[in-house]
PDB file of all heavy atoms in Angstrom:
ATOM      1  N   LEU A   1       0.823  -1.212   0.000  1.00  0.00           N
ATOM      2  CA  LEU A   1       0.000   0.000   0.000  1.00  0.00           C
ATOM      3  C   LEU A   1       0.856   1.261   0.000  1.00  0.00           C
ATOM      4  O   LEU A   1       0.607   2.211   0.745  1.00  0.00           O
ATOM      5  CB  LEU A   1      -0.948   0.005   1.206  1.00  0.00           C
ATOM      6  CG  LEU A   1      -1.959  -1.143   1.281  1.00  0.00           C
ATOM      7  CD1 LEU A   1      -2.747  -1.076   2.570  1.00  0.00           C
ATOM      8  CD2 LEU A   1      -2.899  -1.118   0.093  1.00  0.00           C
ATOM      9  N   THR A   2       1.857   1.278  -0.856  1.00  0.00           N
ATOM     10  CA  THR A   2       2.757   2.424  -0.959  1.00  0.00           C
ATOM     11  C   THR A   2       2.853   2.832  -2.430  1.00  0.00           C
ATOM     12  O   THR A   2       3.179   2.003  -3.279  1.00  0.00           O
ATOM     13  CB  THR A   2       4.156   2.084  -0.420  1.00  0.00           C
ATOM     14  OG1 THR A   2       4.030   1.602   0.922  1.00  0.00           O
ATOM     15  CG2 THR A   2       5.066   3.298  -0.439  1.00  0.00           C
ATOM     16  N   TRP A   3       2.560   4.104  -2.712  1.00  0.00           N
ATOM     17  CA  TRP A   3       2.552   4.579  -4.086  1.00  0.00           C
ATOM     18  C   TRP A   3       3.496   5.764  -4.246  1.00  0.00           C
ATOM     19  O   TRP A   3       3.709   6.549  -3.310  1.00  0.00           O
ATOM     20  CB  TRP A   3       1.139   4.982  -4.496  1.00  0.00           C
ATOM     21  CG  TRP A   3       0.216   3.808  -4.614  1.00  0.00           C
ATOM     22  CD1 TRP A   3       0.012   3.009  -5.702  1.00  0.00           C
ATOM     23  CD2 TRP A   3      -0.644   3.286  -3.595  1.00  0.00           C
ATOM     24  NE1 TRP A   3      -0.913   2.030  -5.427  1.00  0.00           N
ATOM     25  CE2 TRP A   3      -1.330   2.173  -4.144  1.00  0.00           C
ATOM     26  CE3 TRP A   3      -0.905   3.640  -2.262  1.00  0.00           C
ATOM     27  CZ2 TRP A   3      -2.245   1.421  -3.417  1.00  0.00           C
ATOM     28  CZ3 TRP A   3      -1.805   2.894  -1.528  1.00  0.00           C
ATOM     29  CH2 TRP A   3      -2.469   1.799  -2.117  1.00  0.00           C
ATOM     30  N   LEU A   4       4.037   5.919  -5.444  1.00  0.00           N
ATOM     31  CA  LEU A   4       4.980   6.990  -5.766  1.00  0.00           C
ATOM     32  C   LEU A   4       4.314   8.014  -6.666  1.00  0.00           C
ATOM     33  O   LEU A   4       3.768   7.670  -7.720  1.00  0.00           O
ATOM     34  CB  LEU A   4       6.222   6.416  -6.469  1.00  0.00           C
ATOM     35  CG  LEU A   4       6.951   5.279  -5.752  1.00  0.00           C
ATOM     36  CD1 LEU A   4       8.159   4.837  -6.567  1.00  0.00           C
ATOM     37  CD2 LEU A   4       7.364   5.687  -4.348  1.00  0.00           C
ATOM     38  N   GLN A   5       4.386   9.293  -6.254  1.00  0.00           N
ATOM     39  CA  GLN A   5       3.685  10.358  -6.954  1.00  0.00           C
ATOM     40  C   GLN A   5       4.665  11.343  -7.585  1.00  0.00           C
ATOM     41  O   GLN A   5       5.321  12.126  -6.896  1.00  0.00           O
ATOM     42  CB  GLN A   5       2.775  11.119  -5.979  1.00  0.00           C
ATOM     43  CG  GLN A   5       1.999  12.269  -6.603  1.00  0.00           C
ATOM     44  CD  GLN A   5       1.054  11.759  -7.666  1.00  0.00           C
ATOM     45  OE1 GLN A   5       0.136  10.998  -7.373  1.00  0.00           O
ATOM     46  NE2 GLN A   5       1.272  12.183  -8.911  1.00  0.00           N
ATOM     47  N   PRO A   6       4.796  11.358  -8.917  1.00  0.00           N
ATOM     48  CA  PRO A   6       5.639  12.364  -9.570  1.00  0.00           C
ATOM     49  C   PRO A   6       4.932  13.713  -9.637  1.00  0.00           C
ATOM     50  O   PRO A   6       3.710  13.796  -9.580  1.00  0.00           O
ATOM     51  CB  PRO A   6       5.853  11.782 -10.963  1.00  0.00           C
ATOM     52  CG  PRO A   6       4.631  10.950 -11.214  1.00  0.00           C
ATOM     53  CD  PRO A   6       4.207  10.402  -9.877  1.00  0.00           C
ATOM     54  N   VAL A   7       5.752  14.768  -9.790  1.00  0.00           N
ATOM     55  CA  VAL A   7       5.198  16.122  -9.796  1.00  0.00           C
ATOM     56  C   VAL A   7       5.191  16.755 -11.181  1.00  0.00           C
ATOM     57  O   VAL A   7       4.797  17.915 -11.326  1.00  0.00           O
ATOM     58  CB  VAL A   7       5.966  17.033  -8.813  1.00  0.00           C
ATOM     59  CG1 VAL A   7       5.793  16.551  -7.384  1.00  0.00           C
ATOM     60  CG2 VAL A   7       7.444  17.121  -9.184  1.00  0.00           C
ATOM     61  N   SER A   8       5.614  15.997 -12.192  1.00  0.00           N
ATOM     62  CA  SER A   8       5.549  16.512 -13.560  1.00  0.00           C
ATOM     63  C   SER A   8       5.614  15.351 -14.538  1.00  0.00           C
ATOM     64  O   SER A   8       6.148  14.275 -14.212  1.00  0.00           O
ATOM     65  CB  SER A   8       6.683  17.502 -13.846  1.00  0.00           C
ATOM     66  OG  SER A   8       7.934  16.835 -13.894  1.00  0.00           O
ATOM     67  N   ARG A   9       5.082  15.570 -15.728  1.00  0.00           N
ATOM     68  CA  ARG A   9       5.175  14.544 -16.761  1.00  0.00           C
ATOM     69  C   ARG A   9       6.625  14.326 -17.176  1.00  0.00           C
ATOM     70  O   ARG A   9       7.022  13.208 -17.499  1.00  0.00           O
ATOM     71  CB  ARG A   9       4.307  14.943 -17.964  1.00  0.00           C
ATOM     72  CG  ARG A   9       2.810  14.812 -17.691  1.00  0.00           C
ATOM     73  CD  ARG A   9       1.995  15.137 -18.933  1.00  0.00           C
ATOM     74  NE  ARG A   9       2.071  16.559 -19.258  1.00  0.00           N
ATOM     75  CZ  ARG A   9       1.248  17.476 -18.746  1.00  0.00           C
ATOM     76  NH1 ARG A   9       0.324  17.116 -17.876  1.00  0.00           N
ATOM     77  NH2 ARG A   9       1.367  18.749 -19.093  1.00  0.00           N
ATOM     78  N   HIS A  10       7.412  15.381 -17.160  1.00  0.00           N
ATOM     79  CA  HIS A  10       8.830  15.246 -17.491  1.00  0.00           C
ATOM     80  C   HIS A  10       9.507  14.276 -16.538  1.00  0.00           C
ATOM     81  O   HIS A  10      10.276  13.396 -16.962  1.00  0.00           O
ATOM     82  CB  HIS A  10       9.516  16.613 -17.422  1.00  0.00           C
ATOM     83  CG  HIS A  10      10.981  16.576 -17.730  1.00  0.00           C
ATOM     84  ND1 HIS A  10      11.926  16.259 -16.781  1.00  0.00           N
ATOM     85  CD2 HIS A  10      11.662  16.792 -18.884  1.00  0.00           C
ATOM     86  CE1 HIS A  10      13.126  16.288 -17.333  1.00  0.00           C
ATOM     87  NE2 HIS A  10      12.996  16.614 -18.598  1.00  0.00           N
ATOM     88  N   GLN A  11       9.245  14.421 -15.258  1.00  0.00           N
ATOM     89  CA  GLN A  11       9.828  13.524 -14.268  1.00  0.00           C
ATOM     90  C   GLN A  11       9.348  12.091 -14.481  1.00  0.00           C
ATOM     91  O   GLN A  11      10.136  11.140 -14.433  1.00  0.00           O
ATOM     92  CB  GLN A  11       9.449  13.998 -12.864  1.00  0.00           C
ATOM     93  CG  GLN A  11      10.035  13.151 -11.728  1.00  0.00           C
ATOM     94  CD  GLN A  11       9.433  13.525 -10.382  1.00  0.00           C
ATOM     95  OE1 GLN A  11       8.249  13.854 -10.298  1.00  0.00           O
ATOM     96  NE2 GLN A  11      10.245  13.475  -9.344  1.00  0.00           N
ATOM     97  N   ALA A  12       8.061  11.924 -14.731  1.00  0.00           N
ATOM     98  CA  ALA A  12       7.506  10.581 -14.898  1.00  0.00           C
ATOM     99  C   ALA A  12       8.070   9.892 -16.132  1.00  0.00           C
ATOM    100  O   ALA A  12       8.403   8.697 -16.096  1.00  0.00           O
ATOM    101  CB  ALA A  12       5.980  10.661 -14.989  1.00  0.00           C
ATOM    102  N   HIS A  13       8.203  10.625 -17.221  1.00  0.00           N
ATOM    103  CA  HIS A  13       8.691  10.022 -18.461  1.00  0.00           C
ATOM    104  C   HIS A  13      10.165   9.633 -18.368  1.00  0.00           C
ATOM    105  O   HIS A  13      10.626   8.782 -19.129  1.00  0.00           O
ATOM    106  CB  HIS A  13       8.478  10.983 -19.631  1.00  0.00           C
ATOM    107  CG  HIS A  13       7.039  11.150 -19.993  1.00  0.00           C
ATOM    108  ND1 HIS A  13       6.566  12.235 -20.696  1.00  0.00           N
ATOM    109  CD2 HIS A  13       5.954  10.375 -19.738  1.00  0.00           C
ATOM    110  CE1 HIS A  13       5.253  12.119 -20.859  1.00  0.00           C
ATOM    111  NE2 HIS A  13       4.862  11.010 -20.288  1.00  0.00           N
ATOM    112  N   GLY A  14      10.898  10.235 -17.441  1.00  0.00           N
ATOM    113  CA  GLY A  14      12.306   9.902 -17.284  1.00  0.00           C
ATOM    114  C   GLY A  14      12.576   8.826 -16.253  1.00  0.00           C
ATOM    115  O   GLY A  14      13.740   8.560 -15.930  1.00  0.00           O
ATOM    116  N   ALA A  15      11.538   8.187 -15.741  1.00  0.00           N
ATOM    117  CA  ALA A  15      11.727   7.182 -14.699  1.00  0.00           C
ATOM    118  C   ALA A  15      12.440   5.953 -15.248  1.00  0.00           C
ATOM    119  O   ALA A  15      12.123   5.486 -16.348  1.00  0.00           O
ATOM    120  CB  ALA A  15      10.380   6.786 -14.107  1.00  0.00           C
ATOM    121  N   PRO A  16      13.407   5.408 -14.508  1.00  0.00           N
ATOM    122  CA  PRO A  16      14.083   4.186 -14.946  1.00  0.00           C
ATOM    123  C   PRO A  16      13.108   3.017 -15.027  1.00  0.00           C
ATOM    124  O   PRO A  16      12.053   3.007 -14.376  1.00  0.00           O
ATOM    125  CB  PRO A  16      15.131   3.950 -13.860  1.00  0.00           C
ATOM    126  CG  PRO A  16      15.263   5.241 -13.134  1.00  0.00           C
ATOM    127  CD  PRO A  16      13.930   5.909 -13.237  1.00  0.00           C
ATOM    128  N   GLU A  17      13.462   2.032 -15.817  1.00  0.00           N
ATOM    129  CA  GLU A  17      12.631   0.834 -15.929  1.00  0.00           C
ATOM    130  C   GLU A  17      12.506   0.180 -14.559  1.00  0.00           C
ATOM    131  O   GLU A  17      13.478   0.057 -13.814  1.00  0.00           O
ATOM    132  CB  GLU A  17      13.266  -0.136 -16.918  1.00  0.00           C
ATOM    133  CG  GLU A  17      12.412  -1.364 -17.195  1.00  0.00           C
ATOM    134  CD  GLU A  17      13.032  -2.258 -18.253  1.00  0.00           C
ATOM    135  OE1 GLU A  17      14.082  -1.865 -18.819  1.00  0.00           O
ATOM    136  OE2 GLU A  17      12.472  -3.340 -18.496  1.00  0.00           O
ATOM    137  N   GLY A  18      11.303  -0.219 -14.224  1.00  0.00           N
ATOM    138  CA  GLY A  18      11.052  -0.868 -12.948  1.00  0.00           C
ATOM    139  C   GLY A  18      10.566   0.056 -11.856  1.00  0.00           C
ATOM    140  O   GLY A  18      10.091  -0.409 -10.817  1.00  0.00           O
ATOM    141  N   VAL A  19      10.667   1.381 -12.060  1.00  0.00           N
ATOM    142  CA  VAL A  19      10.130   2.346 -11.099  1.00  0.00           C
ATOM    143  C   VAL A  19       8.695   2.657 -11.513  1.00  0.00           C
ATOM    144  O   VAL A  19       8.457   3.234 -12.572  1.00  0.00           O
ATOM    145  CB  VAL A  19      10.977   3.632 -11.055  1.00  0.00           C
ATOM    146  CG1 VAL A  19      10.331   4.662 -10.137  1.00  0.00           C
ATOM    147  CG2 VAL A  19      12.389   3.316 -10.586  1.00  0.00           C
ATOM    148  N   ARG A  20       7.758   2.261 -10.696  1.00  0.00           N
ATOM    149  CA  ARG A  20       6.330   2.348 -11.052  1.00  0.00           C
ATOM    150  C   ARG A  20       5.702   3.561 -10.373  1.00  0.00           C
ATOM    151  O   ARG A  20       5.726   3.675  -9.149  1.00  0.00           O
ATOM    152  CB  ARG A  20       5.624   1.055 -10.656  1.00  0.00           C
ATOM    153  CG  ARG A  20       6.155  -0.163 -11.432  1.00  0.00           C
ATOM    154  CD  ARG A  20       5.551  -1.458 -10.932  1.00  0.00           C
ATOM    155  NE  ARG A  20       6.031  -1.783  -9.589  1.00  0.00           N
ATOM    156  CZ  ARG A  20       5.623  -2.849  -8.906  1.00  0.00           C
ATOM    157  NH1 ARG A  20       4.719  -3.661  -9.420  1.00  0.00           N
ATOM    158  NH2 ARG A  20       6.105  -3.080  -7.700  1.00  0.00           N
ATOM    159  N   LEU A  21       5.134   4.423 -11.185  1.00  0.00           N
ATOM    160  CA  LEU A  21       4.623   5.705 -10.713  1.00  0.00           C
ATOM    161  C   LEU A  21       3.137   5.846 -10.979  1.00  0.00           C
ATOM    162  O   LEU A  21       2.609   5.277 -11.935  1.00  0.00           O
ATOM    163  CB  LEU A  21       5.350   6.860 -11.418  1.00  0.00           C
ATOM    164  CG  LEU A  21       6.876   6.863 -11.373  1.00  0.00           C
ATOM    165  CD1 LEU A  21       7.414   8.003 -12.231  1.00  0.00           C
ATOM    166  CD2 LEU A  21       7.372   6.986  -9.945  1.00  0.00           C
ATOM    167  N   LEU A  22       2.483   6.646 -10.143  1.00  0.00           N
ATOM    168  CA  LEU A  22       1.134   7.101 -10.453  1.00  0.00           C
ATOM    169  C   LEU A  22       1.213   8.173 -11.536  1.00  0.00           C
ATOM    170  O   LEU A  22       2.291   8.655 -11.890  1.00  0.00           O
ATOM    171  CB  LEU A  22       0.471   7.677  -9.203  1.00  0.00           C
ATOM    172  CG  LEU A  22       0.302   6.744  -8.002  1.00  0.00           C
ATOM    173  CD1 LEU A  22      -0.431   7.467  -6.883  1.00  0.00           C
ATOM    174  CD2 LEU A  22      -0.437   5.476  -8.378  1.00  0.00           C
ATOM    175  N   GLY A  23       0.064   8.546 -12.064  1.00  0.00           N
ATOM    176  CA  GLY A  23       0.043   9.627 -13.037  1.00  0.00           C
ATOM    177  C   GLY A  23       0.487  10.929 -12.400  1.00  0.00           C
ATOM    178  O   GLY A  23       0.174  11.219 -11.239  1.00  0.00           O
ATOM    179  N   ALA A  24       1.234  11.729 -13.138  1.00  0.00           N
ATOM    180  CA  ALA A  24       1.799  12.965 -12.600  1.00  0.00           C
ATOM    181  C   ALA A  24       0.706  13.948 -12.184  1.00  0.00           C
ATOM    182  O   ALA A  24      -0.318  14.076 -12.850  1.00  0.00           O
ATOM    183  CB  ALA A  24       2.712  13.616 -13.632  1.00  0.00           C
ATOM    184  N   ILE A  25       0.924  14.611 -11.073  1.00  0.00           N
ATOM    185  CA  ILE A  25       0.127  15.764 -10.664  1.00  0.00           C
ATOM    186  C   ILE A  25       1.047  16.971 -10.715  1.00  0.00           C
ATOM    187  O   ILE A  25       1.985  17.087  -9.931  1.00  0.00           O
ATOM    188  CB  ILE A  25      -0.454  15.587  -9.240  1.00  0.00           C
ATOM    189  CG1 ILE A  25      -1.435  14.409  -9.200  1.00  0.00           C
ATOM    190  CG2 ILE A  25      -1.150  16.873  -8.793  1.00  0.00           C
ATOM    191  CD1 ILE A  25      -2.023  14.130  -7.831  1.00  0.00           C
ATOM    192  N   GLU A  26       0.799  17.845 -11.688  1.00  0.00           N
ATOM    193  CA  GLU A  26       1.666  19.005 -11.876  1.00  0.00           C
ATOM    194  C   GLU A  26       1.500  19.981 -10.712  1.00  0.00           C
ATOM    195  O   GLU A  26       0.398  20.203 -10.215  1.00  0.00           O
ATOM    196  CB  GLU A  26       1.311  19.705 -13.190  1.00  0.00           C
ATOM    197  CG  GLU A  26       1.392  18.828 -14.428  1.00  0.00           C
ATOM    198  CD  GLU A  26       2.827  18.670 -14.940  1.00  0.00           C
ATOM    199  OE1 GLU A  26       3.709  19.450 -14.507  1.00  0.00           O
ATOM    200  OE2 GLU A  26       3.038  17.776 -15.788  1.00  0.00           O
ATOM    201  N   ASN A  27       2.613  20.573 -10.297  1.00  0.00           N
ATOM    202  CA  ASN A  27       2.569  21.581  -9.245  1.00  0.00           C
ATOM    203  C   ASN A  27       1.793  22.808  -9.703  1.00  0.00           C
ATOM    204  O   ASN A  27       1.643  23.064 -10.900  1.00  0.00           O
ATOM    205  CB  ASN A  27       3.985  21.992  -8.840  1.00  0.00           C
ATOM    206  CG  ASN A  27       4.680  20.926  -8.001  1.00  0.00           C
ATOM    207  OD1 ASN A  27       4.020  20.111  -7.363  1.00  0.00           O
ATOM    208  ND2 ASN A  27       6.001  20.936  -8.002  1.00  0.00           N
ATOM    209  N   GLY A  28       1.334  23.570  -8.730  1.00  0.00           N
ATOM    210  CA  GLY A  28       0.615  24.798  -9.027  1.00  0.00           C
ATOM    211  C   GLY A  28       0.954  25.876  -8.022  1.00  0.00           C
ATOM    212  O   GLY A  28       1.478  25.602  -6.935  1.00  0.00           O
ATOM    213  N   VAL A  29       0.652  27.117  -8.372  1.00  0.00           N
ATOM    214  CA  VAL A  29       0.961  28.258  -7.506  1.00  0.00           C
ATOM    215  C   VAL A  29      -0.249  29.188  -7.446  1.00  0.00           C
ATOM    216  O   VAL A  29      -1.069  29.215  -8.361  1.00  0.00           O
ATOM    217  CB  VAL A  29       2.194  29.037  -8.021  1.00  0.00           C
ATOM    218  CG1 VAL A  29       3.449  28.178  -7.928  1.00  0.00           C
ATOM    219  CG2 VAL A  29       1.993  29.532  -9.442  1.00  0.00           C
ATOM    220  N   PRO A  30      -0.358  29.973  -6.374  1.00  0.00           N
ATOM    221  CA  PRO A  30      -1.478  30.918  -6.278  1.00  0.00           C
ATOM    222  C   PRO A  30      -1.278  32.116  -7.200  1.00  0.00           C
ATOM    223  O   PRO A  30      -0.166  32.387  -7.672  1.00  0.00           O
ATOM    224  CB  PRO A  30      -1.445  31.346  -4.806  1.00  0.00           C
ATOM    225  CG  PRO A  30      -0.019  31.176  -4.401  1.00  0.00           C
ATOM    226  CD  PRO A  30       0.491  29.983  -5.171  1.00  0.00           C
TER     227      PRO A  30
END
């Protein structure tokens, strides 16, 4: 029950093989 959350699509697309990620949630600012 442990999941990995990337903060950008760029980060997610660069993940090494075998590193399983959730879909990226892009950061935001006020």
